[in-house]
Amino acid sequence: MTETARASLARPLIAGVVTALVGFTSTFAVVLTGLRAVGATPAQAASGLLAITLVVGVGCIVLAGRYRIPITVAWSTPGVALLAATGAVDGGWPAVVGGFLVCAALILCTALFPPLGALIARIPPSIAQAMLAGVLLPLCVAPFVGLVDDPWGVAPVLIVWLVASRLLPRWAVPLAFVAAIAVVAVELTRTGVTADAASLLPRLEFTASELTVGAVIGIALPLFVVTMASQNVPGVAVMRSLGYTVPWRPAMLVTGLGSAAAATFGGHAMNLGAISAAIAAGPDSHPDPKKRWVAGVSAGGTYLVLGALSAAFATIVLLAPAGVIPAVAGVALFGAFGSAVQQAIDDPGERVPAVVTFLVAASGIAVFGVSAAFWALLAGLVVRSVLHVGRRRAA
């Protein structure tokens, strides 16, 4: 291989590494927060992070390598934020895992039965984004609550995030996590607490699933909707804007099978990358669009390495003072929250249903054991139907 060829290959390889590093370090804390919120033990949450990281890595390698385009997949960040807002459900962690499996089955059905995808596409984007915004609100408020409760622990995270957002925006959240590690190190030095060496080793924990109505309606359906509407559809749009056509059915098969494989070990859902797609498939990856697929494979390989380190990351989260990791998770979701709010209220004619959806989702109410996300979606659709029927009759 010539020196020029090596240099040419290095660019997409580095782009892939950056894609995975940014994707993992920016939101892994959200994954752990969401899994713990719905009842996972620290070991089960660490297993879920490991499982979803591994299937994301394999998914990137399979899709990018097979189709020679820079397809990247990722875990569903909006989906795991939904879990954090949902809380415990009837049936506990086994029922949650059952909900993950149902969501994976729905993703597979999207590949096998196109009408299901068309049905999801009929949900107004304003309603879907308002539901997501309502779910994200408590998580995005957490950094400021933590700042009041523990200013010495949370302030360094927020200061680093703010300065990095100005100077190195792509790395703002990863650097905020580095600040959190520094806070944890200082706290451990002060208290004399040490980590158990065994907890640093990655380990998968199998969970026998259970199916409950509350988990199917309150977890599986909202998780499926936000994953499709907030990740898969934008992911296709981003790739199209960069000149690539995503093979929809194979992509849904891979992400559906990957989600199912991860579910019994605590992984929630995987989907097409959106932000990560812009890094791997953009012109900075390689001037020649036909050579950017290497970035997708490189991202997959990097995810597999990060999977081996996932238990160590989970241990850091477990040892962190209260408020520090929620602060990292919160700033990681600021962009998603802002985008969701903007899309929810962008159309004046859809604003009232979107506001109702947002408020119900943000309320955190649970009725009949079903989470607020489902009731928010239902309330928004009902209000929208009533308002639109009235307008048509008046016309």
Protein backbone atom coordinates (compact mmCIF):
# COMPACT_ATOMS: atom_id res chain seq x y z
CA MET A 1 0.00 0.00 0.00
CA THR A 2 1.44 3.39 -0.98
CA GLU A 3 1.88 6.28 1.44
CA THR A 4 -0.92 8.17 -0.32
CA ALA A 5 -3.26 5.21 0.01
CA ARG A 6 -2.46 4.88 3.71
CA ALA A 7 -3.16 8.58 4.24
CA SER A 8 -6.37 8.25 2.27
CA LEU A 9 -7.49 5.33 4.43
CA ALA A 10 -6.52 7.05 7.66
CA ARG A 11 -9.13 9.80 7.31
CA PRO A 12 -12.24 7.59 7.34
CA LEU A 13 -10.66 5.34 9.99
CA ILE A 14 -10.19 8.34 12.28
CA ALA A 15 -13.66 9.65 11.45
CA GLY A 16 -15.12 6.31 12.52
CA VAL A 17 -13.21 6.34 15.80
CA VAL A 18 -14.43 9.89 16.49
CA THR A 19 -18.00 8.87 15.63
CA ALA A 20 -17.96 6.06 18.18
CA LEU A 21 -16.14 8.02 20.88
CA VAL A 22 -18.52 10.97 20.64
CA GLY A 23 -21.57 8.72 20.47
CA PHE A 24 -20.55 6.58 23.45
CA THR A 25 -19.08 9.12 25.84
CA SER A 26 -21.82 11.68 25.17
CA THR A 27 -24.77 9.51 26.18
CA PHE A 28 -23.69 6.32 27.98
CA ALA A 29 -24.58 8.04 31.27
CA VAL A 30 -28.11 8.52 29.94
CA VAL A 31 -28.29 4.80 29.17
CA LEU A 32 -27.29 3.85 32.71
CA THR A 33 -29.65 6.44 34.20
CA GLY A 34 -32.58 5.17 32.15
CA LEU A 35 -31.98 1.50 32.89
CA ARG A 36 -31.59 2.13 36.62
CA ALA A 37 -34.79 4.21 36.61
CA VAL A 38 -36.90 1.30 35.34
CA GLY A 39 -35.60 -1.13 37.92
CA ALA A 40 -32.24 -2.50 36.78
CA THR A 41 -29.64 -3.24 39.43
CA PRO A 42 -26.19 -1.69 38.88
CA ALA A 43 -24.98 -5.03 37.46
CA GLN A 44 -28.01 -5.34 35.16
CA ALA A 45 -27.58 -1.75 33.96
CA ALA A 46 -23.89 -2.40 33.23
CA SER A 47 -24.91 -5.54 31.33
CA GLY A 48 -27.44 -3.55 29.32
CA LEU A 49 -24.81 -0.96 28.39
CA LEU A 50 -22.39 -3.71 27.35
CA ALA A 51 -25.02 -5.55 25.30
CA ILE A 52 -26.28 -2.51 23.42
CA THR A 53 -22.71 -1.31 22.76
CA LEU A 54 -21.73 -4.68 21.27
CA VAL A 55 -24.76 -4.96 18.98
CA VAL A 56 -24.26 -1.36 17.82
CA GLY A 57 -20.67 -2.21 16.93
CA VAL A 58 -21.66 -5.34 15.02
CA GLY A 59 -24.49 -3.45 13.29
CA CYS A 60 -22.14 -0.75 12.03
CA ILE A 61 -19.69 -3.31 10.67
CA VAL A 62 -22.37 -5.44 8.99
CA LEU A 63 -24.27 -2.60 7.30
CA ALA A 64 -21.30 -0.46 6.26
CA GLY A 65 -19.24 -3.46 5.15
CA ARG A 66 -22.08 -5.11 3.22
CA TYR A 67 -23.45 -2.05 1.41
CA ARG A 68 -20.22 -0.03 1.10
CA ILE A 69 -21.83 3.15 2.37
CA PRO A 70 -21.04 4.87 5.70
CA ILE A 71 -24.12 3.63 7.58
CA THR A 72 -23.78 3.91 11.34
CA VAL A 73 -26.18 2.68 13.99
CA ALA A 74 -26.52 3.83 17.58
CA TRP A 75 -28.51 3.13 20.68
CA SER A 76 -31.77 5.02 21.02
CA THR A 77 -30.87 8.01 23.19
CA PRO A 78 -34.44 9.42 23.14
CA GLY A 79 -35.65 5.93 23.98
CA VAL A 80 -33.47 5.56 27.05
CA ALA A 81 -34.41 9.10 28.12
CA LEU A 82 -37.99 7.90 27.93
CA LEU A 83 -37.09 5.08 30.32
CA ALA A 84 -35.57 7.54 32.77
CA ALA A 85 -38.85 9.47 32.83
CA THR A 86 -41.02 6.34 32.99
CA GLY A 87 -39.74 4.79 36.20
CA ALA A 88 -40.65 1.38 37.54
CA VAL A 89 -43.49 -0.61 35.97
CA ASP A 90 -45.64 -3.48 37.21
CA GLY A 91 -43.66 -6.69 36.93
CA GLY A 92 -40.33 -5.00 37.61
CA TRP A 93 -37.18 -5.43 35.53
CA PRO A 94 -38.31 -8.70 33.83
CA ALA A 95 -41.38 -6.87 32.50
CA VAL A 96 -39.17 -4.04 31.23
CA VAL A 97 -37.03 -6.59 29.36
CA GLY A 98 -40.26 -7.99 27.91
CA GLY A 99 -41.07 -4.48 26.71
CA PHE A 100 -37.64 -4.25 25.05
CA LEU A 101 -38.34 -7.50 23.19
CA VAL A 102 -41.73 -6.25 22.00
CA CYS A 103 -40.09 -3.05 20.74
CA ALA A 104 -37.49 -5.14 18.87
CA ALA A 105 -40.29 -7.21 17.33
CA LEU A 106 -42.03 -4.02 16.17
CA ILE A 107 -38.82 -2.80 14.53
CA LEU A 108 -38.54 -6.14 12.73
CA CYS A 109 -42.18 -5.87 11.66
CA THR A 110 -41.36 -2.46 10.18
CA ALA A 111 -38.90 -4.22 7.88
CA LEU A 112 -41.22 -7.12 7.05
CA PHE A 113 -44.52 -5.20 6.80
CA PRO A 114 -44.11 -1.75 5.18
CA PRO A 115 -47.65 -0.63 6.23
CA LEU A 116 -46.45 -0.52 9.85
CA GLY A 117 -43.75 1.96 8.92
CA ALA A 118 -46.33 3.96 7.00
CA LEU A 119 -48.56 3.98 10.10
CA ILE A 120 -45.76 5.39 12.25
CA ALA A 121 -45.10 8.01 9.58
CA ARG A 122 -48.72 9.16 9.95
CA ILE A 123 -48.13 10.25 13.55
CA PRO A 124 -47.70 14.04 13.26
CA PRO A 125 -44.06 14.96 13.87
CA SER A 126 -45.18 17.75 16.20
CA ILE A 127 -46.91 15.21 18.48
CA ALA A 128 -43.98 12.79 18.49
CA GLN A 129 -41.47 15.56 19.16
CA ALA A 130 -43.65 17.12 21.87
CA MET A 131 -43.80 13.76 23.63
CA LEU A 132 -40.03 13.50 23.43
CA ALA A 133 -39.57 17.05 24.72
CA GLY A 134 -41.83 16.35 27.70
CA VAL A 135 -39.90 13.20 28.51
CA LEU A 136 -36.57 15.04 28.27
CA LEU A 137 -37.58 18.04 30.40
CA PRO A 138 -36.94 16.50 33.86
CA LEU A 139 -33.57 15.16 32.70
CA CYS A 140 -32.54 18.55 31.29
CA VAL A 141 -33.53 20.29 34.52
CA ALA A 142 -31.41 17.89 36.62
CA PRO A 143 -28.08 19.77 36.14
CA PHE A 144 -29.52 22.91 37.69
CA VAL A 145 -31.16 21.04 40.56
CA GLY A 146 -27.84 19.32 41.17
CA LEU A 147 -26.00 22.64 41.04
CA VAL A 148 -28.04 23.87 44.01
CA ASP A 149 -27.73 20.62 45.97
CA ASP A 150 -24.04 19.97 45.29
CA PRO A 151 -22.37 23.03 43.74
CA TRP A 152 -18.82 21.77 44.27
CA GLY A 153 -19.54 18.54 42.42
CA VAL A 154 -21.76 19.80 39.61
CA ALA A 155 -20.28 23.24 38.88
CA PRO A 156 -17.03 21.86 37.35
CA VAL A 157 -19.08 19.70 34.97
CA LEU A 158 -21.21 22.62 33.82
CA ILE A 159 -18.27 25.02 33.51
CA VAL A 160 -16.26 22.57 31.39
CA TRP A 161 -19.31 21.86 29.25
CA LEU A 162 -19.95 25.58 28.67
CA VAL A 163 -16.34 26.42 27.77
CA ALA A 164 -16.03 23.37 25.52
CA SER A 165 -19.35 24.22 23.83
CA ARG A 166 -17.71 27.48 22.78
CA LEU A 167 -14.32 26.10 21.77
CA LEU A 168 -14.87 22.41 20.89
CA PRO A 169 -18.63 21.90 20.50
CA ARG A 170 -18.40 18.31 19.24
CA TRP A 171 -16.44 17.31 22.34
CA ALA A 172 -18.39 19.37 24.88
CA VAL A 173 -20.22 16.45 26.49
CA PRO A 174 -17.26 14.02 26.47
CA LEU A 175 -15.15 16.71 28.16
CA ALA A 176 -17.94 17.29 30.68
CA PHE A 177 -17.68 13.58 31.48
CA VAL A 178 -13.92 13.94 31.92
CA ALA A 179 -14.68 16.69 34.44
CA ALA A 180 -17.08 14.30 36.17
CA ILE A 181 -14.31 11.68 36.38
CA ALA A 182 -12.09 14.30 38.04
CA VAL A 183 -14.85 15.05 40.56
CA VAL A 184 -15.23 11.32 41.28
CA ALA A 185 -11.46 10.95 41.74
CA VAL A 186 -11.37 13.82 44.23
CA GLU A 187 -14.35 12.38 46.11
CA LEU A 188 -12.80 8.90 46.30
CA THR A 189 -9.54 10.38 47.55
CA ARG A 190 -11.39 12.34 50.20
CA THR A 191 -13.54 9.43 51.42
CA GLY A 192 -11.07 6.59 50.91
CA VAL A 193 -13.61 4.50 49.01
CA THR A 194 -12.15 2.09 46.44
CA ALA A 195 -13.71 0.29 43.49
CA ASP A 196 -14.10 -3.47 43.47
CA ALA A 197 -11.74 -4.82 40.81
CA ALA A 198 -14.31 -7.41 39.75
CA SER A 199 -16.78 -4.66 38.88
CA LEU A 200 -14.41 -3.35 36.22
CA LEU A 201 -14.73 -6.52 34.14
CA PRO A 202 -17.54 -6.54 31.53
CA ARG A 203 -20.20 -9.17 32.14
CA LEU A 204 -23.53 -9.97 30.53
CA GLU A 205 -26.44 -10.81 32.84
CA PHE A 206 -29.36 -12.72 31.33
CA THR A 207 -32.88 -11.73 32.43
CA ALA A 208 -35.89 -13.94 31.81
CA SER A 209 -38.51 -11.63 30.34
CA GLU A 210 -42.15 -11.24 31.30
CA LEU A 211 -44.96 -9.68 29.28
CA THR A 212 -47.27 -7.28 31.06
CA VAL A 213 -49.83 -4.89 29.65
CA GLY A 214 -48.24 -1.96 31.46
CA ALA A 215 -44.78 -2.65 30.02
CA VAL A 216 -46.07 -3.22 26.48
CA ILE A 217 -48.18 -0.05 26.44
CA GLY A 218 -46.01 2.11 28.69
CA ILE A 219 -42.54 1.08 27.50
CA ALA A 220 -42.57 -0.91 24.24
CA LEU A 221 -44.92 1.32 22.23
CA PRO A 222 -43.47 4.73 23.28
CA LEU A 223 -39.93 3.35 22.89
CA PHE A 224 -40.77 2.15 19.39
CA VAL A 225 -42.39 5.46 18.43
CA VAL A 226 -39.56 7.70 19.64
CA THR A 227 -36.94 5.39 18.14
CA MET A 228 -38.60 5.47 14.75
CA ALA A 229 -39.68 9.11 14.71
CA SER A 230 -36.67 10.67 16.43
CA GLN A 231 -33.85 8.43 15.20
CA ASN A 232 -34.59 6.21 12.20
CA VAL A 233 -36.49 8.75 10.10
CA PRO A 234 -33.95 11.57 10.74
CA GLY A 235 -31.14 9.09 10.16
CA VAL A 236 -32.44 8.32 6.67
CA ALA A 237 -32.86 12.05 5.99
CA VAL A 238 -29.30 12.85 7.08
CA MET A 239 -27.87 10.13 4.86
CA ARG A 240 -29.98 11.31 1.93
CA SER A 241 -28.71 14.87 2.39
CA LEU A 242 -25.16 13.52 2.13
CA GLY A 243 -25.94 11.63 -1.08
CA TYR A 244 -26.60 8.12 0.27
CA THR A 245 -29.70 5.95 0.08
CA VAL A 246 -30.16 3.80 3.15
CA PRO A 247 -31.28 0.22 2.40
CA TRP A 248 -34.36 0.52 4.61
CA ARG A 249 -35.42 -3.10 4.97
CA PRO A 250 -31.95 -4.52 5.69
CA ALA A 251 -31.27 -1.67 8.11
CA MET A 252 -34.48 -2.37 10.03
CA LEU A 253 -33.72 -6.11 10.04
CA VAL A 254 -30.25 -5.53 11.48
CA THR A 255 -31.41 -3.01 14.08
CA GLY A 256 -34.42 -5.16 15.00
CA LEU A 257 -32.36 -8.33 15.40
CA GLY A 258 -29.68 -6.42 17.27
CA SER A 259 -32.26 -4.94 19.63
CA ALA A 260 -33.71 -8.40 20.27
CA ALA A 261 -30.26 -9.88 20.93
CA ALA A 262 -29.43 -7.12 23.42
CA ALA A 263 -32.83 -7.08 25.13
CA THR A 264 -32.48 -10.20 27.27
CA PHE A 265 -29.20 -8.82 28.61
CA GLY A 266 -30.74 -5.44 29.42
CA GLY A 267 -30.14 -3.49 26.19
CA HIS A 268 -33.05 -1.26 25.18
CA ALA A 269 -33.05 -0.50 21.41
CA MET A 270 -30.74 0.36 18.54
CA ASN A 271 -31.45 2.45 15.46
CA LEU A 272 -29.89 4.27 12.55
CA GLY A 273 -27.46 6.99 13.54
CA ALA A 274 -28.43 10.59 12.90
CA ILE A 275 -25.78 12.87 14.42
CA SER A 276 -23.19 10.10 14.16
CA ALA A 277 -24.11 9.65 10.49
CA ALA A 278 -23.15 13.25 9.80
CA ILE A 279 -19.65 12.62 11.20
CA ALA A 280 -18.95 9.33 9.43
CA ALA A 281 -20.66 10.15 6.14
CA GLY A 282 -19.69 13.82 5.84
CA PRO A 283 -16.98 15.28 3.61
CA ASP A 284 -14.53 15.49 6.53
CA SER A 285 -14.49 11.69 6.54
CA HIS A 286 -13.11 11.51 3.01
CA PRO A 287 -13.33 13.68 -0.12
CA ASP A 288 -14.46 10.64 -2.12
CA PRO A 289 -17.98 9.54 -1.03
CA LYS A 290 -17.25 6.00 -2.23
CA LYS A 291 -14.51 5.58 0.38
CA ARG A 292 -16.39 6.87 3.41
CA TRP A 293 -17.87 3.44 4.19
CA VAL A 294 -14.62 2.63 5.97
CA ALA A 295 -15.70 5.10 8.66
CA GLY A 296 -18.78 2.99 9.39
CA VAL A 297 -16.68 -0.14 9.86
CA SER A 298 -14.15 1.77 11.95
CA ALA A 299 -16.95 3.10 14.17
CA GLY A 300 -18.21 -0.44 14.67
CA GLY A 301 -14.79 -1.71 15.69
CA THR A 302 -14.36 1.17 18.12
CA TYR A 303 -17.74 0.40 19.71
CA LEU A 304 -16.60 -3.17 20.31
CA VAL A 305 -13.51 -1.88 22.12
CA LEU A 306 -15.66 0.53 24.15
CA GLY A 307 -17.91 -2.39 25.05
CA ALA A 308 -14.95 -4.05 26.74
CA LEU A 309 -14.49 -0.88 28.80
CA SER A 310 -18.19 -0.36 29.53
CA ALA A 311 -18.09 -1.93 33.00
CA ALA A 312 -15.39 0.53 34.05
CA PHE A 313 -17.55 3.43 32.84
CA ALA A 314 -20.52 2.00 34.74
CA THR A 315 -18.41 1.74 37.90
CA ILE A 316 -17.45 5.41 37.63
CA VAL A 317 -21.13 6.30 37.39
CA LEU A 318 -21.92 4.18 40.44
CA LEU A 319 -19.18 5.83 42.54
CA ALA A 320 -20.00 9.40 41.49
CA PRO A 321 -21.56 11.78 44.03
CA ALA A 322 -25.30 12.33 43.63
CA GLY A 323 -26.03 14.95 41.01
CA VAL A 324 -22.79 14.67 39.05
CA ILE A 325 -23.83 12.02 36.51
CA PRO A 326 -27.37 13.45 36.11
CA ALA A 327 -25.63 16.72 35.23
CA VAL A 328 -23.62 14.99 32.49
CA ALA A 329 -26.74 13.23 31.23
CA GLY A 330 -28.67 16.49 31.27
CA VAL A 331 -26.21 18.52 29.21
CA ALA A 332 -25.96 15.59 26.78
CA LEU A 333 -29.68 15.99 26.09
CA PHE A 334 -29.85 19.79 25.75
CA GLY A 335 -29.53 19.63 21.97
CA ALA A 336 -32.16 16.92 21.61
CA PHE A 337 -34.54 18.84 23.88
CA GLY A 338 -34.11 22.09 21.96
CA SER A 339 -34.64 20.37 18.63
CA ALA A 340 -37.74 18.56 19.90
CA VAL A 341 -39.31 21.76 21.25
CA GLN A 342 -38.61 23.61 18.02
CA GLN A 343 -40.19 20.91 15.86
CA ALA A 344 -43.13 20.53 18.24
CA ILE A 345 -44.26 24.16 18.05
CA ASP A 346 -42.99 25.06 14.58
CA ASP A 347 -46.45 24.79 12.95
CA PRO A 348 -48.95 27.21 14.58
CA GLY A 349 -51.84 24.96 13.54
CA GLU A 350 -50.36 22.05 15.50
CA ARG A 351 -49.24 24.03 18.52
CA VAL A 352 -52.12 23.36 20.93
CA PRO A 353 -52.05 19.54 20.52
CA ALA A 354 -48.26 19.66 20.85
CA VAL A 355 -48.46 21.70 24.07
CA VAL A 356 -50.98 19.24 25.56
CA THR A 357 -48.73 16.34 24.58
CA PHE A 358 -45.69 18.04 26.09
CA LEU A 359 -47.41 18.85 29.39
CA VAL A 360 -48.82 15.35 29.87
CA ALA A 361 -45.43 13.77 29.12
CA ALA A 362 -43.62 16.18 31.45
CA SER A 363 -46.12 15.52 34.25
CA GLY A 364 -44.80 12.01 34.78
CA ILE A 365 -48.27 10.67 35.59
CA ALA A 366 -48.91 6.93 35.45
CA VAL A 367 -52.48 5.65 35.07
CA PHE A 368 -53.32 1.93 35.32
CA GLY A 369 -49.60 1.24 35.50
CA VAL A 370 -49.03 2.85 32.08
CA SER A 371 -46.44 5.62 31.80
CA ALA A 372 -47.03 9.25 30.94
CA ALA A 373 -45.44 8.92 27.49
CA PHE A 374 -48.32 6.77 26.24
CA TRP A 375 -50.99 9.04 27.71
CA ALA A 376 -49.22 12.07 26.26
CA LEU A 377 -49.29 10.56 22.79
CA LEU A 378 -52.95 9.60 23.19
CA ALA A 379 -53.95 13.02 24.59
CA GLY A 380 -52.17 14.87 21.80
CA LEU A 381 -53.80 12.78 19.08
CA VAL A 382 -57.26 13.18 20.65
CA VAL A 383 -56.91 16.96 20.99
CA ARG A 384 -55.59 17.24 17.45
CA SER A 385 -58.47 15.15 16.07
CA VAL A 386 -61.08 17.25 17.88
CA LEU A 387 -59.56 20.54 16.78
CA HIS A 388 -59.16 19.47 13.16
CA VAL A 389 -62.67 18.02 12.93
CA GLY A 390 -64.06 21.29 14.23
CA ARG A 391 -62.13 23.25 11.64
CA ARG A 392 -63.30 21.05 8.79
CA ARG A 393 -66.93 21.38 9.86
CA ALA A 394 -66.60 25.15 10.24
CA ALA A 395 -65.18 25.33 6.74
